Amino acid sequence: MIFVTVGTHEQPFNRLIQKVDELKRDGIIQDDVIMQTGFSTYEPKYCQWSKLIPYQQMIKNVADARIVITHGGARDIIGSTKKNHDN
C-alpha cells in the first residue's frame, strides 16, 4: 500500500494529489493507494481518500505502507522515519 499525506496545512496540494491519482489511473502505480488530502480541492477518482484522518489511523497507515509520500511536513517526516527505527 502507498500512503499519501499532505497534513493539515491550509494550502492545497492539488498537484501532488492529482498526479498520484493519474498514476494510479494509468496503471503506473499498481499498489492500493490511501490519501489524506487535507485542504486540497482535487478529489481523487482512483484512490481511497479522506480530507482528514484521525491520528491513530495515520499511525496505522504509515506502519502498513510500503511507501509514504508526503509534502514534507515535519510531523510526517518524523513519523515516517520513526517507523523504520521501530522495526
N, C-alpha and C. Protein backbone atom coordinates (compact mmCIF):
# COMPACT_ATOMS: atom_id res chain seq x y z
N MET A 1 0.85 -1.18 0.00
CA MET A 1 0.00 0.00 0.00
C MET A 1 0.89 1.24 0.00
N ILE A 2 0.44 2.25 -0.70
CA ILE A 2 1.10 3.55 -0.70
C ILE A 2 0.19 4.52 0.06
N PHE A 3 0.80 5.24 0.99
CA PHE A 3 0.06 6.22 1.77
C PHE A 3 0.56 7.61 1.40
N VAL A 4 -0.36 8.47 0.99
CA VAL A 4 -0.05 9.86 0.63
C VAL A 4 -0.68 10.76 1.67
N THR A 5 0.13 11.64 2.26
CA THR A 5 -0.40 12.55 3.27
C THR A 5 0.14 13.96 3.03
N VAL A 6 -0.77 14.92 3.09
CA VAL A 6 -0.36 16.31 2.90
C VAL A 6 -0.57 17.13 4.17
N GLY A 7 -0.90 16.45 5.26
CA GLY A 7 -1.03 17.14 6.53
C GLY A 7 -2.26 18.03 6.60
N THR A 8 -2.23 18.97 7.53
CA THR A 8 -3.39 19.82 7.78
C THR A 8 -3.10 21.29 7.49
N HIS A 9 -2.01 21.54 6.78
CA HIS A 9 -1.69 22.91 6.38
C HIS A 9 -2.81 23.44 5.50
N GLU A 10 -3.13 24.71 5.61
CA GLU A 10 -4.30 25.29 4.95
C GLU A 10 -4.16 25.46 3.45
N GLN A 11 -2.97 25.28 2.90
CA GLN A 11 -2.82 25.39 1.46
C GLN A 11 -3.09 24.03 0.81
N PRO A 12 -3.71 24.03 -0.36
CA PRO A 12 -3.97 22.77 -1.05
C PRO A 12 -2.70 22.22 -1.70
N PHE A 13 -2.66 20.93 -1.87
CA PHE A 13 -1.57 20.25 -2.57
C PHE A 13 -2.17 19.49 -3.75
N ASN A 14 -2.95 20.20 -4.55
CA ASN A 14 -3.68 19.59 -5.66
C ASN A 14 -2.78 18.88 -6.66
N ARG A 15 -1.63 19.46 -6.98
CA ARG A 15 -0.76 18.84 -7.99
C ARG A 15 -0.29 17.46 -7.54
N LEU A 16 0.10 17.33 -6.28
CA LEU A 16 0.54 16.03 -5.76
C LEU A 16 -0.61 15.03 -5.77
N ILE A 17 -1.75 15.42 -5.23
CA ILE A 17 -2.90 14.52 -5.15
C ILE A 17 -3.35 14.09 -6.55
N GLN A 18 -3.45 15.04 -7.47
CA GLN A 18 -3.90 14.73 -8.82
C GLN A 18 -2.90 13.84 -9.56
N LYS A 19 -1.61 14.10 -9.42
CA LYS A 19 -0.59 13.31 -10.12
C LYS A 19 -0.61 11.86 -9.65
N VAL A 20 -0.67 11.64 -8.34
CA VAL A 20 -0.71 10.27 -7.84
C VAL A 20 -1.99 9.58 -8.31
N ASP A 21 -3.10 10.28 -8.32
CA ASP A 21 -4.36 9.73 -8.81
C ASP A 21 -4.24 9.34 -10.29
N GLU A 22 -3.60 10.18 -11.08
CA GLU A 22 -3.40 9.87 -12.51
C GLU A 22 -2.47 8.67 -12.70
N LEU A 23 -1.42 8.57 -11.88
CA LEU A 23 -0.51 7.42 -11.96
C LEU A 23 -1.25 6.12 -11.62
N LYS A 24 -2.16 6.19 -10.67
CA LYS A 24 -2.98 5.02 -10.33
C LYS A 24 -3.93 4.70 -11.49
N ARG A 25 -4.57 5.71 -12.03
CA ARG A 25 -5.48 5.54 -13.17
C ARG A 25 -4.79 4.87 -14.35
N ASP A 26 -3.57 5.30 -14.63
CA ASP A 26 -2.83 4.81 -15.79
C ASP A 26 -2.14 3.48 -15.55
N GLY A 27 -2.26 2.94 -14.34
CA GLY A 27 -1.66 1.64 -14.03
C GLY A 27 -0.18 1.70 -13.72
N ILE A 28 0.39 2.90 -13.66
CA ILE A 28 1.80 3.03 -13.30
C ILE A 28 2.00 2.67 -11.84
N ILE A 29 1.07 3.07 -11.02
CA ILE A 29 1.04 2.62 -9.62
C ILE A 29 0.10 1.43 -9.55
N GLN A 30 0.62 0.30 -9.12
CA GLN A 30 -0.16 -0.93 -9.01
C GLN A 30 -0.72 -1.12 -7.59
N ASP A 31 -0.03 -0.57 -6.60
CA ASP A 31 -0.43 -0.74 -5.21
C ASP A 31 -1.76 -0.04 -4.94
N ASP A 32 -2.44 -0.49 -3.87
CA ASP A 32 -3.56 0.30 -3.35
C ASP A 32 -2.99 1.61 -2.83
N VAL A 33 -3.75 2.69 -2.97
CA VAL A 33 -3.30 4.00 -2.51
C VAL A 33 -4.34 4.58 -1.57
N ILE A 34 -3.88 5.02 -0.40
CA ILE A 34 -4.73 5.73 0.55
C ILE A 34 -4.17 7.14 0.66
N MET A 35 -5.05 8.15 0.54
CA MET A 35 -4.62 9.54 0.59
C MET A 35 -5.32 10.30 1.70
N GLN A 36 -4.57 11.16 2.36
CA GLN A 36 -5.11 12.16 3.27
C GLN A 36 -4.90 13.47 2.53
N THR A 37 -5.98 14.08 2.03
CA THR A 37 -5.88 15.19 1.09
C THR A 37 -5.91 16.57 1.73
N GLY A 38 -6.20 16.66 3.01
CA GLY A 38 -6.19 17.95 3.70
C GLY A 38 -7.08 18.98 3.03
N PHE A 39 -6.53 20.15 2.76
CA PHE A 39 -7.30 21.24 2.17
C PHE A 39 -7.26 21.25 0.64
N SER A 40 -6.76 20.19 0.05
CA SER A 40 -6.74 20.10 -1.41
C SER A 40 -8.18 20.08 -1.92
N THR A 41 -8.39 20.69 -3.07
CA THR A 41 -9.73 20.72 -3.66
C THR A 41 -9.93 19.63 -4.70
N TYR A 42 -8.85 19.05 -5.20
CA TYR A 42 -8.97 17.94 -6.14
C TYR A 42 -9.45 16.71 -5.38
N GLU A 43 -10.46 16.03 -5.89
CA GLU A 43 -10.98 14.82 -5.27
C GLU A 43 -10.56 13.62 -6.11
N PRO A 44 -9.71 12.75 -5.56
CA PRO A 44 -9.24 11.60 -6.31
C PRO A 44 -10.38 10.70 -6.77
N LYS A 45 -10.19 10.11 -7.94
CA LYS A 45 -11.17 9.20 -8.52
C LYS A 45 -10.72 7.75 -8.49
N TYR A 46 -9.42 7.51 -8.31
CA TYR A 46 -8.86 6.17 -8.43
C TYR A 46 -8.18 5.68 -7.17
N CYS A 47 -8.19 6.51 -6.13
CA CYS A 47 -7.55 6.17 -4.86
C CYS A 47 -8.54 6.36 -3.72
N GLN A 48 -8.35 5.59 -2.67
CA GLN A 48 -9.14 5.80 -1.46
C GLN A 48 -8.63 7.07 -0.79
N TRP A 49 -9.54 7.93 -0.31
CA TRP A 49 -9.09 9.19 0.27
C TRP A 49 -10.04 9.72 1.31
N SER A 50 -9.47 10.56 2.18
CA SER A 50 -10.22 11.33 3.17
C SER A 50 -9.52 12.66 3.31
N LYS A 51 -10.28 13.72 3.57
CA LYS A 51 -9.65 15.02 3.79
C LYS A 51 -8.77 14.98 5.04
N LEU A 52 -9.30 14.46 6.12
CA LEU A 52 -8.56 14.34 7.37
C LEU A 52 -8.71 12.91 7.89
N ILE A 53 -7.68 12.43 8.54
CA ILE A 53 -7.67 11.07 9.08
C ILE A 53 -7.28 11.18 10.55
N PRO A 54 -7.99 10.49 11.43
CA PRO A 54 -7.64 10.53 12.85
C PRO A 54 -6.19 10.07 13.08
N TYR A 55 -5.57 10.62 14.10
CA TYR A 55 -4.15 10.38 14.39
C TYR A 55 -3.81 8.89 14.43
N GLN A 56 -4.60 8.10 15.16
CA GLN A 56 -4.29 6.67 15.29
C GLN A 56 -4.35 5.95 13.93
N GLN A 57 -5.27 6.39 13.07
CA GLN A 57 -5.35 5.79 11.74
C GLN A 57 -4.15 6.22 10.90
N MET A 58 -3.69 7.46 11.08
CA MET A 58 -2.48 7.92 10.38
C MET A 58 -1.29 7.04 10.76
N ILE A 59 -1.14 6.77 12.05
CA ILE A 59 -0.04 5.92 12.53
C ILE A 59 -0.14 4.54 11.89
N LYS A 60 -1.34 3.98 11.84
CA LYS A 60 -1.54 2.67 11.24
C LYS A 60 -1.22 2.70 9.75
N ASN A 61 -1.67 3.74 9.05
CA ASN A 61 -1.39 3.83 7.62
C ASN A 61 0.11 3.90 7.34
N VAL A 62 0.84 4.67 8.14
CA VAL A 62 2.29 4.76 7.98
C VAL A 62 2.92 3.40 8.24
N ALA A 63 2.48 2.72 9.29
CA ALA A 63 3.04 1.41 9.63
C ALA A 63 2.76 0.38 8.55
N ASP A 64 1.58 0.45 7.94
CA ASP A 64 1.18 -0.54 6.93
C ASP A 64 1.73 -0.23 5.54
N ALA A 65 2.16 0.99 5.31
CA ALA A 65 2.55 1.41 3.97
C ALA A 65 3.92 0.85 3.55
N ARG A 66 4.00 0.48 2.29
CA ARG A 66 5.28 0.13 1.68
C ARG A 66 6.03 1.41 1.33
N ILE A 67 5.26 2.44 0.93
CA ILE A 67 5.81 3.74 0.57
C ILE A 67 4.92 4.81 1.21
N VAL A 68 5.54 5.85 1.77
CA VAL A 68 4.82 7.02 2.27
C VAL A 68 5.26 8.21 1.42
N ILE A 69 4.29 8.91 0.83
CA ILE A 69 4.56 10.12 0.06
C ILE A 69 3.96 11.27 0.84
N THR A 70 4.79 12.30 1.10
CA THR A 70 4.33 13.43 1.88
C THR A 70 4.86 14.73 1.28
N HIS A 71 4.21 15.81 1.60
CA HIS A 71 4.64 17.11 1.12
C HIS A 71 5.88 17.59 1.87
N GLY A 72 6.24 16.95 2.94
CA GLY A 72 7.45 17.30 3.66
C GLY A 72 7.24 18.01 4.97
N GLY A 73 6.05 17.90 5.55
CA GLY A 73 5.81 18.47 6.86
C GLY A 73 6.62 17.73 7.92
N ALA A 74 7.07 18.45 8.93
CA ALA A 74 7.95 17.88 9.95
C ALA A 74 7.34 16.65 10.62
N ARG A 75 6.08 16.71 11.00
CA ARG A 75 5.46 15.59 11.69
C ARG A 75 5.41 14.36 10.78
N ASP A 76 5.11 14.57 9.50
CA ASP A 76 5.05 13.45 8.56
C ASP A 76 6.41 12.79 8.41
N ILE A 77 7.44 13.59 8.27
CA ILE A 77 8.78 13.05 8.08
C ILE A 77 9.24 12.30 9.32
N ILE A 78 9.07 12.90 10.49
CA ILE A 78 9.49 12.24 11.73
C ILE A 78 8.72 10.94 11.94
N GLY A 79 7.41 10.97 11.73
CA GLY A 79 6.61 9.76 11.91
C GLY A 79 7.00 8.66 10.94
N SER A 80 7.28 9.02 9.70
CA SER A 80 7.64 8.02 8.69
C SER A 80 9.01 7.42 8.96
N THR A 81 9.97 8.24 9.33
CA THR A 81 11.30 7.70 9.60
C THR A 81 11.34 6.94 10.92
N LYS A 82 10.53 7.33 11.87
CA LYS A 82 10.47 6.60 13.14
C LYS A 82 10.00 5.17 12.91
N LYS A 83 9.11 4.97 11.96
CA LYS A 83 8.62 3.64 11.64
C LYS A 83 9.79 2.71 11.34
N ASN A 84 10.77 3.17 10.58
CA ASN A 84 11.90 2.34 10.21
C ASN A 84 12.78 1.99 11.41
N HIS A 85 12.83 2.83 12.42
CA HIS A 85 13.63 2.57 13.59
C HIS A 85 12.93 1.65 14.58
N ASP A 86 11.61 1.57 14.49
CA ASP A 86 10.86 0.71 15.42
C ASP A 86 10.86 -0.75 14.99
N ASN A 87 11.20 -1.03 13.74
CA ASN A 87 11.15 -2.42 13.23
C ASN A 87 12.48 -3.11 13.41
